[in-house]
Amino acid sequence: METPLHHTPTGSVRRPRRIRAAARVRVVAACGLLGIAVSLTGCAGVRPDLPVVAESTPTPDAARVTAPPRWQGLDDTLGSEARPGELLPADSLPAEPRPADGVLFNDPGAPPVLFSQDPVILRAEVAAECLSARSMSISTREGLDALVSSLYSSVIDPAEGTEALILGKCAPTTDIVREMVAKGGEQASAPVAERARALSSAQARRAIETAAADGLTRHLELTGSGSGPTRLARDHAMVYFPSAGSAVRIGTSNGVDRLYGRAVPGFGVYTFVMVGPNVEHLPQTDQARHRELFRLVETYAAVGDGADAVPRPDAHVFLIPVDAELDGMPLFNQVAADLSDRMRGKLIEDLRGRGEAGLAARLQKGSGPFLVAGLEPDLLPGGAGAYRLVADLSGLGIEHLYAVVDAFDRGIGPELGGRPESLGAIRDRLRDVRARQSGNAETVATTESVWFFMLGGTDDSAAATAIGRLMLGVADLLTNEPPSA
């Protein structure tokens, strides 16, 4: 797929698999939670064949690893099961101590060097690494990620590692707490937060607690135990699910607004998918609707043979904002709620500016999800008469979602490519989807299609839009509730 300069293809989308989720759990758990047998194979490149040594085994010519601290919950059987014959020769590991000017960033290809278990030496080593990172203009985030991984691989106590990072001025305290807990998990949360509070002012207490909570949430997301869309994304991307070809993930290095404002050109119809406001706090029924929609898109759209999703004018494409770090998780869990909310907010502003206040209110108050289809690779096309089809799925029964996805996920006839009639074809298919019936006995159940709207054009199309707005107002009066009800 040819992409604009601001876009970066990050590879084809990996479908969620149980084996992958399990592997991810092992990778994160290796950062210090499951005992020494796992800890020494974890995050930052420590030799996977490094053994556990029984204290009573004489090994004068072998490299030894300091026993793990108590927080790891060492299994007493591990030491007795270690075999001296598995030990590495002393010259197979780098000599200690670590270089005074750091090694992690100065020579990334060098064999790994463990951090010292001595707290005083550890603090000096970490400070040297952070100074090295700053001198090389390595971003705080990249440096902190590598340092925390290396600390856990070195079997460093989370509290001691936290103190070393804070005293070494490696990053803001809240960033350190969040990253240490994200990689260390629940067992690391309390000691990390406690040590950070001890080294900070009383005013920072709440921020530290919030950072620890965010870190624990991130740990769950990274290990496949998240409950839904994330608000902790650091790298955003847009996943494309075309009706012809395979799904592909597109990142950007020039601001997230380009992901939805300058999408990859060449497709016939673009449908942006957004979640409802505060999606993580919605009732279970509304969350189930979101989850099912994304499952259907992931399962039935873009089921190609692995080839690149080359843009085609006869193809429709779903675009979904995601957290790039959660690739491989179920699509619903990958969704970047912060970027989705930004897209929805910009769309609401645009609709109000075009005199569509009723529809804007619907997107602001409805539970969602929302689908916005257009002919241009832009959620907010600039033309006054730009055609768009907006579908508000708030309250729609999940039994109708397959028909909704199918209505969008169709090829486009050659005679309709790039024309508003291609959106009209989707609208006509949506008319076959059964409208939601009100559960209020005092409300007249309507079979009118008041949950999707065609916008744009002039004359006849403008009249149709006016009729749609009138139907929306009448529906709201009948229910005597906000549009999201």
Foldseek 3Di string as FASTA:
>chain_A
DDFPPQKDFPAFFAAADPVVLQVLLLALQLLAAAADLSVQCYDAQHPNLAAAAAPPDDDPFFDHADHADPLRPHDPVRNVPTDPVSTDGHVVADDDDADQQADCPVPVPDHDDAADQPLVSNLSRLLSQLVNCVVVVNDLVVSLLNLSSRNSSSNHQLLSSLVSCVVSPSDPSLVNLLNNCLSNEDSSLVSNLVSSPVVDDPVCNVSNNVSSVNSNQNNCLSSQNHDFADQPFPWKWKWKFKLPAAITIMGGDPDPQCRAAPPGDAEQKEKEKAFAPPLVPDPPQLVVLLLLLLQLSSPPTRPDPRDDPPRHLQMYIYIAMFRPSNRNHRPRHGGNNVVRVVLLVVVLVLCVVLVNPQVSQLRNPARDTKMKMFRGSHSRDDDSQGKIKIFGCQQPHSVQSNQLVVLRSDTHDPVCGSHCVSVVSSVVSVLPRFDHFDPDPQADGDRDPLRMAITGDDDPNVVRRVVSSVVSVVNCVRVVDRSRD
